[in-house]
Amino acid sequence: MVAGTMVITSLSSVLHDSKEFPSQKIFDIGHFLDGNGNFKKSDYFVPFSTGKWICAVEGLARMELFLFLTTILKNFKLKSLVPTKDINITPVANGLTSLPPPYKICFIPV
């Protein structure tokens, strides 16, 4: 490699590895849980990048996400505006990335 060469990585190649994620067309929570139902660390799931360019505040980001989501789940009942069988989770290609399609959801106070 030549000094100063820009390298652009594609995390989607890791996130779509069929050995680690055999059922890629559907969301399978089993990809992220061990035999006891506990979260398992995987070298293939790298939402905060990896190596030299790993997110410096990954721990803080994970904690913020946990607090944000648990606060929502504690205070609201979530209801889809369309039947769940009709929800399409196919990613939308957007240049170099894939994005989830837009959704509408009701937050009903509990």
PDB file of N, CA and C in Angstrom:
ATOM      1  N   MET A   1       0.854  -1.174   0.000  1.00  0.00           N
ATOM      2  CA  MET A   1       0.000   0.000   0.000  1.00  0.00           C
ATOM      3  C   MET A   1       0.896   1.232   0.000  1.00  0.00           C
ATOM      4  N   VAL A   2       0.501   2.213  -0.751  1.00  0.00           N
ATOM      5  CA  VAL A   2       1.251   3.455  -0.873  1.00  0.00           C
ATOM      6  C   VAL A   2       0.810   4.419   0.225  1.00  0.00           C
ATOM      7  N   ALA A   3       1.753   5.064   0.865  1.00  0.00           N
ATOM      8  CA  ALA A   3       1.425   6.036   1.900  1.00  0.00           C
ATOM      9  C   ALA A   3       0.489   7.096   1.340  1.00  0.00           C
ATOM     10  N   GLY A   4      -0.501   7.477   2.115  1.00  0.00           N
ATOM     11  CA  GLY A   4      -1.455   8.492   1.700  1.00  0.00           C
ATOM     12  C   GLY A   4      -2.620   7.956   0.889  1.00  0.00           C
ATOM     13  N   THR A   5      -2.631   6.629   0.622  1.00  0.00           N
ATOM     14  CA  THR A   5      -3.729   6.033  -0.143  1.00  0.00           C
ATOM     15  C   THR A   5      -4.988   6.019   0.712  1.00  0.00           C
ATOM     16  N   MET A   6      -6.104   6.468   0.142  1.00  0.00           N
ATOM     17  CA  MET A   6      -7.378   6.446   0.854  1.00  0.00           C
ATOM     18  C   MET A   6      -8.014   5.069   0.670  1.00  0.00           C
ATOM     19  N   VAL A   7      -8.422   4.460   1.771  1.00  0.00           N
ATOM     20  CA  VAL A   7      -9.084   3.161   1.744  1.00  0.00           C
ATOM     21  C   VAL A   7     -10.496   3.346   2.277  1.00  0.00           C
ATOM     22  N   ILE A   8     -11.470   2.941   1.490  1.00  0.00           N
ATOM     23  CA  ILE A   8     -12.870   3.021   1.913  1.00  0.00           C
ATOM     24  C   ILE A   8     -13.356   1.602   2.154  1.00  0.00           C
ATOM     25  N   THR A   9     -13.766   1.325   3.377  1.00  0.00           N
ATOM     26  CA  THR A   9     -14.234  -0.017   3.708  1.00  0.00           C
ATOM     27  C   THR A   9     -15.732  -0.127   3.487  1.00  0.00           C
ATOM     28  N   SER A  10     -16.178  -1.347   3.297  1.00  0.00           N
ATOM     29  CA  SER A  10     -17.601  -1.611   3.126  1.00  0.00           C
ATOM     30  C   SER A  10     -18.041  -2.559   4.231  1.00  0.00           C
ATOM     31  N   LEU A  11     -18.664  -2.003   5.268  1.00  0.00           N
ATOM     32  CA  LEU A  11     -19.122  -2.838   6.375  1.00  0.00           C
ATOM     33  C   LEU A  11     -20.257  -3.756   5.946  1.00  0.00           C
ATOM     34  N   SER A  12     -20.961  -3.400   4.872  1.00  0.00           N
ATOM     35  CA  SER A  12     -22.072  -4.249   4.445  1.00  0.00           C
ATOM     36  C   SER A  12     -21.584  -5.626   4.022  1.00  0.00           C
ATOM     37  N   SER A  13     -20.345  -5.741   3.529  1.00  0.00           N
ATOM     38  CA  SER A  13     -19.829  -7.056   3.171  1.00  0.00           C
ATOM     39  C   SER A  13     -19.695  -7.944   4.407  1.00  0.00           C
ATOM     40  N   VAL A  14     -19.355  -7.355   5.536  1.00  0.00           N
ATOM     41  CA  VAL A  14     -19.262  -8.109   6.788  1.00  0.00           C
ATOM     42  C   VAL A  14     -20.661  -8.422   7.321  1.00  0.00           C
ATOM     43  N   LEU A  15     -21.552  -7.444   7.259  1.00  0.00           N
ATOM     44  CA  LEU A  15     -22.900  -7.627   7.815  1.00  0.00           C
ATOM     45  C   LEU A  15     -23.749  -8.578   6.977  1.00  0.00           C
ATOM     46  N   HIS A  16     -23.310  -8.906   5.766  1.00  0.00           N
ATOM     47  CA  HIS A  16     -24.050  -9.827   4.908  1.00  0.00           C
ATOM     48  C   HIS A  16     -23.327 -11.154   4.710  1.00  0.00           C
ATOM     49  N   ASP A  17     -22.402 -11.495   5.603  1.00  0.00           N
ATOM     50  CA  ASP A  17     -21.676 -12.758   5.512  1.00  0.00           C
ATOM     51  C   ASP A  17     -22.635 -13.908   5.841  1.00  0.00           C
ATOM     52  N   SER A  18     -22.862 -14.796   4.874  1.00  0.00           N
ATOM     53  CA  SER A  18     -23.848 -15.869   5.056  1.00  0.00           C
ATOM     54  C   SER A  18     -23.432 -16.896   6.104  1.00  0.00           C
ATOM     55  N   LYS A  19     -22.140 -16.985   6.431  1.00  0.00           N
ATOM     56  CA  LYS A  19     -21.717 -17.916   7.481  1.00  0.00           C
ATOM     57  C   LYS A  19     -22.167 -17.435   8.854  1.00  0.00           C
ATOM     58  N   GLU A  20     -22.123 -16.136   9.081  1.00  0.00           N
ATOM     59  CA  GLU A  20     -22.508 -15.582  10.383  1.00  0.00           C
ATOM     60  C   GLU A  20     -23.994 -15.241  10.434  1.00  0.00           C
ATOM     61  N   PHE A  21     -24.564 -14.827   9.309  1.00  0.00           N
ATOM     62  CA  PHE A  21     -25.978 -14.433   9.243  1.00  0.00           C
ATOM     63  C   PHE A  21     -26.674 -15.259   8.163  1.00  0.00           C
ATOM     64  N   PRO A  22     -27.032 -16.525   8.463  1.00  0.00           N
ATOM     65  CA  PRO A  22     -27.587 -17.408   7.433  1.00  0.00           C
ATOM     66  C   PRO A  22     -28.946 -16.964   6.877  1.00  0.00           C
ATOM     67  N   SER A  23     -29.781 -16.358   7.684  1.00  0.00           N
ATOM     68  CA  SER A  23     -31.102 -15.926   7.192  1.00  0.00           C
ATOM     69  C   SER A  23     -31.086 -14.413   7.010  1.00  0.00           C
ATOM     70  N   GLN A  24     -30.515 -13.957   5.903  1.00  0.00           N
ATOM     71  CA  GLN A  24     -30.313 -12.535   5.670  1.00  0.00           C
ATOM     72  C   GLN A  24     -31.562 -11.815   5.182  1.00  0.00           C
ATOM     73  N   LYS A  25     -32.517 -12.524   4.651  1.00  0.00           N
ATOM     74  CA  LYS A  25     -33.705 -11.882   4.094  1.00  0.00           C
ATOM     75  C   LYS A  25     -34.710 -11.487   5.164  1.00  0.00           C
ATOM     76  N   ILE A  26     -34.569 -12.053   6.363  1.00  0.00           N
ATOM     77  CA  ILE A  26     -35.476 -11.717   7.473  1.00  0.00           C
ATOM     78  C   ILE A  26     -34.644 -11.356   8.698  1.00  0.00           C
ATOM     79  N   PHE A  27     -35.236 -10.565   9.589  1.00  0.00           N
ATOM     80  CA  PHE A  27     -34.541 -10.243  10.832  1.00  0.00           C
ATOM     81  C   PHE A  27     -34.648 -11.439  11.764  1.00  0.00           C
ATOM     82  N   ASP A  28     -33.533 -11.956  12.207  1.00  0.00           N
ATOM     83  CA  ASP A  28     -33.489 -13.104  13.110  1.00  0.00           C
ATOM     84  C   ASP A  28     -32.712 -12.709  14.356  1.00  0.00           C
ATOM     85  N   ILE A  29     -33.425 -12.504  15.457  1.00  0.00           N
ATOM     86  CA  ILE A  29     -32.790 -12.092  16.706  1.00  0.00           C
ATOM     87  C   ILE A  29     -31.770 -13.136  17.174  1.00  0.00           C
ATOM     88  N   GLY A  30     -31.935 -14.371  16.707  1.00  0.00           N
ATOM     89  CA  GLY A  30     -31.009 -15.441  17.067  1.00  0.00           C
ATOM     90  C   GLY A  30     -29.588 -15.196  16.609  1.00  0.00           C
ATOM     91  N   HIS A  31     -29.404 -14.323  15.617  1.00  0.00           N
ATOM     92  CA  HIS A  31     -28.049 -13.988  15.176  1.00  0.00           C
ATOM     93  C   HIS A  31     -27.257 -13.290  16.276  1.00  0.00           C
ATOM     94  N   PHE A  32     -27.952 -12.693  17.215  1.00  0.00           N
ATOM     95  CA  PHE A  32     -27.307 -11.861  18.229  1.00  0.00           C
ATOM     96  C   PHE A  32     -27.403 -12.452  19.638  1.00  0.00           C
ATOM     97  N   LEU A  33     -27.993 -13.644  19.777  1.00  0.00           N
ATOM     98  CA  LEU A  33     -28.169 -14.263  21.094  1.00  0.00           C
ATOM     99  C   LEU A  33     -27.465 -15.603  21.152  1.00  0.00           C
ATOM    100  N   ASP A  34     -26.980 -15.956  22.364  1.00  0.00           N
ATOM    101  CA  ASP A  34     -26.375 -17.266  22.551  1.00  0.00           C
ATOM    102  C   ASP A  34     -27.463 -18.277  22.915  1.00  0.00           C
ATOM    103  N   GLY A  35     -27.085 -19.473  23.266  1.00  0.00           N
ATOM    104  CA  GLY A  35     -28.029 -20.533  23.608  1.00  0.00           C
ATOM    105  C   GLY A  35     -28.890 -20.224  24.824  1.00  0.00           C
ATOM    106  N   ASN A  36     -28.439 -19.317  25.704  1.00  0.00           N
ATOM    107  CA  ASN A  36     -29.195 -18.945  26.905  1.00  0.00           C
ATOM    108  C   ASN A  36     -30.035 -17.687  26.704  1.00  0.00           C
ATOM    109  N   GLY A  37     -30.042 -17.145  25.492  1.00  0.00           N
ATOM    110  CA  GLY A  37     -30.821 -15.939  25.233  1.00  0.00           C
ATOM    111  C   GLY A  37     -30.108 -14.649  25.596  1.00  0.00           C
ATOM    112  N   ASN A  38     -28.812 -14.729  25.884  1.00  0.00           N
ATOM    113  CA  ASN A  38     -28.024 -13.536  26.211  1.00  0.00           C
ATOM    114  C   ASN A  38     -27.343 -12.996  24.965  1.00  0.00           C
ATOM    115  N   PHE A  39     -27.104 -11.669  24.957  1.00  0.00           N
ATOM    116  CA  PHE A  39     -26.419 -11.052  23.819  1.00  0.00           C
ATOM    117  C   PHE A  39     -25.046 -11.660  23.664  1.00  0.00           C
ATOM    118  N   LYS A  40     -24.682 -12.012  22.437  1.00  0.00           N
ATOM    119  CA  LYS A  40     -23.340 -12.539  22.185  1.00  0.00           C
ATOM    120  C   LYS A  40     -22.565 -11.556  21.318  1.00  0.00           C
ATOM    121  N   LYS A  41     -21.326 -11.334  21.682  1.00  0.00           N
ATOM    122  CA  LYS A  41     -20.449 -10.448  20.920  1.00  0.00           C
ATOM    123  C   LYS A  41     -20.049 -11.165  19.641  1.00  0.00           C
ATOM    124  N   SER A  42     -20.097 -10.453  18.539  1.00  0.00           N
ATOM    125  CA  SER A  42     -19.731 -11.031  17.253  1.00  0.00           C
ATOM    126  C   SER A  42     -18.777 -10.090  16.538  1.00  0.00           C
ATOM    127  N   ASP A  43     -17.717 -10.645  15.975  1.00  0.00           N
ATOM    128  CA  ASP A  43     -16.778  -9.843  15.194  1.00  0.00           C
ATOM    129  C   ASP A  43     -17.392  -9.393  13.876  1.00  0.00           C
ATOM    130  N   TYR A  44     -18.540  -9.978  13.515  1.00  0.00           N
ATOM    131  CA  TYR A  44     -19.197  -9.642  12.257  1.00  0.00           C
ATOM    132  C   TYR A  44     -20.184  -8.477  12.399  1.00  0.00           C
ATOM    133  N   PHE A  45     -20.586  -8.158  13.610  1.00  0.00           N
ATOM    134  CA  PHE A  45     -21.510  -7.043  13.823  1.00  0.00           C
ATOM    135  C   PHE A  45     -20.694  -5.856  14.307  1.00  0.00           C
ATOM    136  N   VAL A  46     -20.457  -4.891  13.421  1.00  0.00           N
ATOM    137  CA  VAL A  46     -19.571  -3.770  13.723  1.00  0.00           C
ATOM    138  C   VAL A  46     -20.269  -2.435  13.419  1.00  0.00           C
ATOM    139  N   PRO A  47     -21.292  -2.071  14.205  1.00  0.00           N
ATOM    140  CA  PRO A  47     -22.020  -0.836  13.903  1.00  0.00           C
ATOM    141  C   PRO A  47     -21.208   0.432  14.159  1.00  0.00           C
ATOM    142  N   PHE A  48     -20.137   0.348  14.925  1.00  0.00           N
ATOM    143  CA  PHE A  48     -19.333   1.524  15.239  1.00  0.00           C
ATOM    144  C   PHE A  48     -17.960   1.474  14.568  1.00  0.00           C
ATOM    145  N   SER A  49     -17.849   0.702  13.479  1.00  0.00           N
ATOM    146  CA  SER A  49     -16.630   0.532  12.710  1.00  0.00           C
ATOM    147  C   SER A  49     -15.641  -0.334  13.496  1.00  0.00           C
ATOM    148  N   THR A  50     -14.416  -0.370  13.035  1.00  0.00           N
ATOM    149  CA  THR A  50     -13.432  -1.249  13.655  1.00  0.00           C
ATOM    150  C   THR A  50     -12.019  -0.740  13.366  1.00  0.00           C
ATOM    151  N   GLY A  51     -11.072  -1.297  14.060  1.00  0.00           N
ATOM    152  CA  GLY A  51      -9.672  -0.951  13.818  1.00  0.00           C
ATOM    153  C   GLY A  51      -9.322   0.464  14.225  1.00  0.00           C
ATOM    154  N   LYS A  52      -8.425   1.076  13.465  1.00  0.00           N
ATOM    155  CA  LYS A  52      -7.911   2.404  13.773  1.00  0.00           C
ATOM    156  C   LYS A  52      -9.020   3.462  13.820  1.00  0.00           C
ATOM    157  N   TRP A  53     -10.087   3.270  13.042  1.00  0.00           N
ATOM    158  CA  TRP A  53     -11.127   4.294  12.922  1.00  0.00           C
ATOM    159  C   TRP A  53     -12.363   3.975  13.758  1.00  0.00           C
ATOM    160  N   ILE A  54     -12.231   3.115  14.757  1.00  0.00           N
ATOM    161  CA  ILE A  54     -13.375   2.778  15.603  1.00  0.00           C
ATOM    162  C   ILE A  54     -13.868   4.032  16.323  1.00  0.00           C
ATOM    163  N   CYS A  55     -15.152   4.087  16.547  1.00  0.00           N
ATOM    164  CA  CYS A  55     -15.760   5.239  17.213  1.00  0.00           C
ATOM    165  C   CYS A  55     -15.190   5.372  18.625  1.00  0.00           C
ATOM    166  N   ALA A  56     -14.635   6.525  18.937  1.00  0.00           N
ATOM    167  CA  ALA A  56     -13.984   6.748  20.232  1.00  0.00           C
ATOM    168  C   ALA A  56     -14.979   6.735  21.391  1.00  0.00           C
ATOM    169  N   VAL A  57     -16.228   7.050  21.130  1.00  0.00           N
ATOM    170  CA  VAL A  57     -17.226   7.118  22.206  1.00  0.00           C
ATOM    171  C   VAL A  57     -18.289   6.033  22.035  1.00  0.00           C
ATOM    172  N   GLU A  58     -17.873   4.859  21.559  1.00  0.00           N
ATOM    173  CA  GLU A  58     -18.812   3.759  21.348  1.00  0.00           C
ATOM    174  C   GLU A  58     -19.566   3.414  22.625  1.00  0.00           C
ATOM    175  N   GLY A  59     -18.887   3.341  23.766  1.00  0.00           N
ATOM    176  CA  GLY A  59     -19.549   3.019  25.032  1.00  0.00           C
ATOM    177  C   GLY A  59     -20.642   4.016  25.374  1.00  0.00           C
ATOM    178  N   LEU A  60     -20.350   5.295  25.203  1.00  0.00           N
ATOM    179  CA  LEU A  60     -21.344   6.336  25.462  1.00  0.00           C
ATOM    180  C   LEU A  60     -22.515   6.221  24.488  1.00  0.00           C
ATOM    181  N   ALA A  61     -22.233   5.967  23.219  1.00  0.00           N
ATOM    182  CA  ALA A  61     -23.292   5.828  22.221  1.00  0.00           C
ATOM    183  C   ALA A  61     -24.196   4.647  22.551  1.00  0.00           C
ATOM    184  N   ARG A  62     -23.617   3.527  22.943  1.00  0.00           N
ATOM    185  CA  ARG A  62     -24.419   2.346  23.315  1.00  0.00           C
ATOM    186  C   ARG A  62     -25.301   2.654  24.534  1.00  0.00           C
ATOM    187  N   MET A  63     -24.736   3.338  25.524  1.00  0.00           N
ATOM    188  CA  MET A  63     -25.500   3.683  26.719  1.00  0.00           C
ATOM    189  C   MET A  63     -26.647   4.626  26.368  1.00  0.00           C
ATOM    190  N   GLU A  64     -26.391   5.618  25.533  1.00  0.00           N
ATOM    191  CA  GLU A  64     -27.429   6.561  25.117  1.00  0.00           C
ATOM    192  C   GLU A  64     -28.545   5.842  24.361  1.00  0.00           C
ATOM    193  N   LEU A  65     -28.183   4.943  23.451  1.00  0.00           N
ATOM    194  CA  LEU A  65     -29.194   4.174  22.721  1.00  0.00           C
ATOM    195  C   LEU A  65     -30.035   3.336  23.674  1.00  0.00           C
ATOM    196  N   PHE A  66     -29.383   2.682  24.631  1.00  0.00           N
ATOM    197  CA  PHE A  66     -30.102   1.864  25.603  1.00  0.00           C
ATOM    198  C   PHE A  66     -31.082   2.715  26.406  1.00  0.00           C
ATOM    199  N   LEU A  67     -30.614   3.844  26.925  1.00  0.00           N
ATOM    200  CA  LEU A  67     -31.491   4.715  27.715  1.00  0.00           C
ATOM    201  C   LEU A  67     -32.643   5.263  26.884  1.00  0.00           C
ATOM    202  N   PHE A  68     -32.365   5.675  25.669  1.00  0.00           N
ATOM    203  CA  PHE A  68     -33.382   6.217  24.777  1.00  0.00           C
ATOM    204  C   PHE A  68     -34.462   5.169  24.483  1.00  0.00           C
ATOM    205  N   LEU A  69     -34.040   3.971  24.075  1.00  0.00           N
ATOM    206  CA  LEU A  69     -35.008   2.935  23.716  1.00  0.00           C
ATOM    207  C   LEU A  69     -35.775   2.398  24.921  1.00  0.00           C
ATOM    208  N   THR A  70     -35.106   2.205  26.060  1.00  0.00           N
ATOM    209  CA  THR A  70     -35.823   1.699  27.225  1.00  0.00           C
ATOM    210  C   THR A  70     -36.807   2.740  27.763  1.00  0.00           C
ATOM    211  N   THR A  71     -36.482   4.017  27.660  1.00  0.00           N
ATOM    212  CA  THR A  71     -37.416   5.064  28.078  1.00  0.00           C
ATOM    213  C   THR A  71     -38.662   5.038  27.204  1.00  0.00           C
ATOM    214  N   ILE A  72     -38.485   4.874  25.902  1.00  0.00           N
ATOM    215  CA  ILE A  72     -39.632   4.785  24.997  1.00  0.00           C
ATOM    216  C   ILE A  72     -40.474   3.563  25.338  1.00  0.00           C
ATOM    217  N   LEU A  73     -39.834   2.403  25.476  1.00  0.00           N
ATOM    218  CA  LEU A  73     -40.576   1.173  25.735  1.00  0.00           C
ATOM    219  C   LEU A  73     -41.261   1.177  27.103  1.00  0.00           C
ATOM    220  N   LYS A  74     -40.686   1.879  28.053  1.00  0.00           N
ATOM    221  CA  LYS A  74     -41.273   1.965  29.392  1.00  0.00           C
ATOM    222  C   LYS A  74     -42.495   2.875  29.414  1.00  0.00           C
ATOM    223  N   ASN A  75     -42.500   3.917  28.597  1.00  0.00           N
ATOM    224  CA  ASN A  75     -43.544   4.932  28.674  1.00  0.00           C
ATOM    225  C   ASN A  75     -44.579   4.895  27.553  1.00  0.00           C
ATOM    226  N   PHE A  76     -44.346   4.078  26.529  1.00  0.00           N
ATOM    227  CA  PHE A  76     -45.258   4.055  25.399  1.00  0.00           C
ATOM    228  C   PHE A  76     -45.526   2.634  24.927  1.00  0.00           C
ATOM    229  N   LYS A  77     -46.721   2.446  24.389  1.00  0.00           N
ATOM    230  CA  LYS A  77     -47.032   1.234  23.648  1.00  0.00           C
ATOM    231  C   LYS A  77     -46.866   1.626  22.182  1.00  0.00           C
ATOM    232  N   LEU A  78     -46.130   0.830  21.431  1.00  0.00           N
ATOM    233  CA  LEU A  78     -45.885   1.136  20.029  1.00  0.00           C
ATOM    234  C   LEU A  78     -46.879   0.373  19.164  1.00  0.00           C
ATOM    235  N   LYS A  79     -47.476   1.077  18.218  1.00  0.00           N
ATOM    236  CA  LYS A  79     -48.461   0.442  17.349  1.00  0.00           C
ATOM    237  C   LYS A  79     -48.191   0.858  15.911  1.00  0.00           C
ATOM    238  N   SER A  80     -48.083  -0.138  15.038  1.00  0.00           N
ATOM    239  CA  SER A  80     -47.870   0.132  13.628  1.00  0.00           C
ATOM    240  C   SER A  80     -49.160   0.654  13.003  1.00  0.00           C
ATOM    241  N   LEU A  81     -49.034   1.533  12.015  1.00  0.00           N
ATOM    242  CA  LEU A  81     -50.200   2.054  11.310  1.00  0.00           C
ATOM    243  C   LEU A  81     -50.664   1.111  10.208  1.00  0.00           C
ATOM    244  N   VAL A  82     -49.842   0.126   9.866  1.00  0.00           N
ATOM    245  CA  VAL A  82     -50.212  -0.887   8.879  1.00  0.00           C
ATOM    246  C   VAL A  82     -50.067  -2.255   9.537  1.00  0.00           C
ATOM    247  N   PRO A  83     -50.774  -3.262   9.045  1.00  0.00           N
ATOM    248  CA  PRO A  83     -50.601  -4.610   9.610  1.00  0.00           C
ATOM    249  C   PRO A  83     -49.140  -5.058   9.520  1.00  0.00           C
ATOM    250  N   THR A  84     -48.661  -5.693  10.573  1.00  0.00           N
ATOM    251  CA  THR A  84     -47.243  -6.072  10.616  1.00  0.00           C
ATOM    252  C   THR A  84     -46.851  -6.987   9.465  1.00  0.00           C
ATOM    253  N   LYS A  85     -47.766  -7.792   8.972  1.00  0.00           N
ATOM    254  CA  LYS A  85     -47.436  -8.680   7.848  1.00  0.00           C
ATOM    255  C   LYS A  85     -47.172  -7.900   6.563  1.00  0.00           C
ATOM    256  N   ASP A  86     -47.653  -6.662   6.493  1.00  0.00           N
ATOM    257  CA  ASP A  86     -47.467  -5.830   5.303  1.00  0.00           C
ATOM    258  C   ASP A  86     -46.237  -4.917   5.370  1.00  0.00           C
ATOM    259  N   ILE A  87     -45.484  -4.977   6.460  1.00  0.00           N
ATOM    260  CA  ILE A  87     -44.303  -4.128   6.604  1.00  0.00           C
ATOM    261  C   ILE A  87     -43.161  -4.716   5.788  1.00  0.00           C
ATOM    262  N   ASN A  88     -42.593  -3.901   4.927  1.00  0.00           N
ATOM    263  CA  ASN A  88     -41.475  -4.313   4.083  1.00  0.00           C
ATOM    264  C   ASN A  88     -40.183  -3.808   4.727  1.00  0.00           C
ATOM    265  N   ILE A  89     -39.290  -4.728   5.068  1.00  0.00           N
ATOM    266  CA  ILE A  89     -38.026  -4.330   5.704  1.00  0.00           C
ATOM    267  C   ILE A  89     -36.847  -4.391   4.739  1.00  0.00           C
ATOM    268  N   THR A  90     -37.129  -4.468   3.441  1.00  0.00           N
ATOM    269  CA  THR A  90     -36.070  -4.509   2.444  1.00  0.00           C
ATOM    270  C   THR A  90     -35.313  -3.181   2.445  1.00  0.00           C
ATOM    271  N   PRO A  91     -33.984  -3.216   2.615  1.00  0.00           N
ATOM    272  CA  PRO A  91     -33.212  -1.973   2.625  1.00  0.00           C
ATOM    273  C   PRO A  91     -33.316  -1.233   1.297  1.00  0.00           C
ATOM    274  N   VAL A  92     -33.218   0.073   1.375  1.00  0.00           N
ATOM    275  CA  VAL A  92     -33.244   0.930   0.190  1.00  0.00           C
ATOM    276  C   VAL A  92     -31.818   1.369  -0.097  1.00  0.00           C
ATOM    277  N   ALA A  93     -31.326   1.074  -1.315  1.00  0.00           N
ATOM    278  CA  ALA A  93     -29.971   1.470  -1.692  1.00  0.00           C
ATOM    279  C   ALA A  93     -29.913   2.980  -1.835  1.00  0.00           C
ATOM    280  N   ASN A  94     -28.864   3.575  -1.242  1.00  0.00           N
ATOM    281  CA  ASN A  94     -28.699   5.026  -1.277  1.00  0.00           C
ATOM    282  C   ASN A  94     -27.210   5.327  -1.470  1.00  0.00           C
ATOM    283  N   GLY A  95     -26.753   5.287  -2.701  1.00  0.00           N
ATOM    284  CA  GLY A  95     -25.330   5.505  -2.953  1.00  0.00           C
ATOM    285  C   GLY A  95     -24.507   4.345  -2.431  1.00  0.00           C
ATOM    286  N   LEU A  96     -23.633   4.608  -1.467  1.00  0.00           N
ATOM    287  CA  LEU A  96     -22.780   3.570  -0.895  1.00  0.00           C
ATOM    288  C   LEU A  96     -23.404   2.872   0.301  1.00  0.00           C
ATOM    289  N   THR A  97     -24.574   3.324   0.734  1.00  0.00           N
ATOM    290  CA  THR A  97     -25.179   2.749   1.935  1.00  0.00           C
ATOM    291  C   THR A  97     -26.537   2.146   1.628  1.00  0.00           C
ATOM    292  N   SER A  98     -27.055   1.394   2.567  1.00  0.00           N
ATOM    293  CA  SER A  98     -28.422   0.880   2.518  1.00  0.00           C
ATOM    294  C   SER A  98     -29.159   1.447   3.717  1.00  0.00           C
ATOM    295  N   LEU A  99     -30.340   1.950   3.480  1.00  0.00           N
ATOM    296  CA  LEU A  99     -31.136   2.550   4.545  1.00  0.00           C
ATOM    297  C   LEU A  99     -32.438   1.778   4.713  1.00  0.00           C
ATOM    298  N   PRO A 100     -32.976   1.754   5.937  1.00  0.00           N
ATOM    299  CA  PRO A 100     -34.291   1.128   6.095  1.00  0.00           C
ATOM    300  C   PRO A 100     -35.350   2.023   5.439  1.00  0.00           C
ATOM    301  N   PRO A 101     -36.417   1.419   4.921  1.00  0.00           N
ATOM    302  CA  PRO A 101     -37.474   2.245   4.348  1.00  0.00           C
ATOM    303  C   PRO A 101     -38.180   3.042   5.447  1.00  0.00           C
ATOM    304  N   PRO A 102     -38.844   4.142   5.094  1.00  0.00           N
ATOM    305  CA  PRO A 102     -39.540   4.936   6.122  1.00  0.00           C
ATOM    306  C   PRO A 102     -40.737   4.176   6.695  1.00  0.00           C
ATOM    307  N   TYR A 103     -41.010   4.410   7.962  1.00  0.00           N
ATOM    308  CA  TYR A 103     -42.137   3.784   8.658  1.00  0.00           C
ATOM    309  C   TYR A 103     -42.926   4.847   9.397  1.00  0.00           C
ATOM    310  N   LYS A 104     -44.185   4.555   9.624  1.00  0.00           N
ATOM    311  CA  LYS A 104     -45.002   5.389  10.487  1.00  0.00           C
ATOM    312  C   LYS A 104     -45.472   4.517  11.637  1.00  0.00           C
ATOM    313  N   ILE A 105     -45.354   5.056  12.852  1.00  0.00           N
ATOM    314  CA  ILE A 105     -45.702   4.294  14.045  1.00  0.00           C
ATOM    315  C   ILE A 105     -46.344   5.216  15.058  1.00  0.00           C
ATOM    316  N   CYS A 106     -47.290   4.681  15.811  1.00  0.00           N
ATOM    317  CA  CYS A 106     -47.957   5.460  16.861  1.00  0.00           C
ATOM    318  C   CYS A 106     -47.306   5.178  18.203  1.00  0.00           C
ATOM    319  N   PHE A 107     -47.053   6.218  18.965  1.00  0.00           N
ATOM    320  CA  PHE A 107     -46.572   6.105  20.337  1.00  0.00           C
ATOM    321  C   PHE A 107     -47.756   6.388  21.240  1.00  0.00           C
ATOM    322  N   ILE A 108     -48.277   5.375  21.884  1.00  0.00           N
ATOM    323  CA  ILE A 108     -49.454   5.521  22.735  1.00  0.00           C
ATOM    324  C   ILE A 108     -48.984   5.529  24.181  1.00  0.00           C
ATOM    325  N   PRO A 109     -49.202   6.631  24.922  1.00  0.00           N
ATOM    326  CA  PRO A 109     -48.771   6.687  26.315  1.00  0.00           C
ATOM    327  C   PRO A 109     -49.410   5.568  27.149  1.00  0.00           C
ATOM    328  N   VAL A 110     -48.612   4.994  28.046  1.00  0.00           N
ATOM    329  CA  VAL A 110     -49.153   3.947  28.927  1.00  0.00           C
ATOM    330  C   VAL A 110     -49.502   4.515  30.272  1.00  0.00           C
TER     331      VAL A 110
END
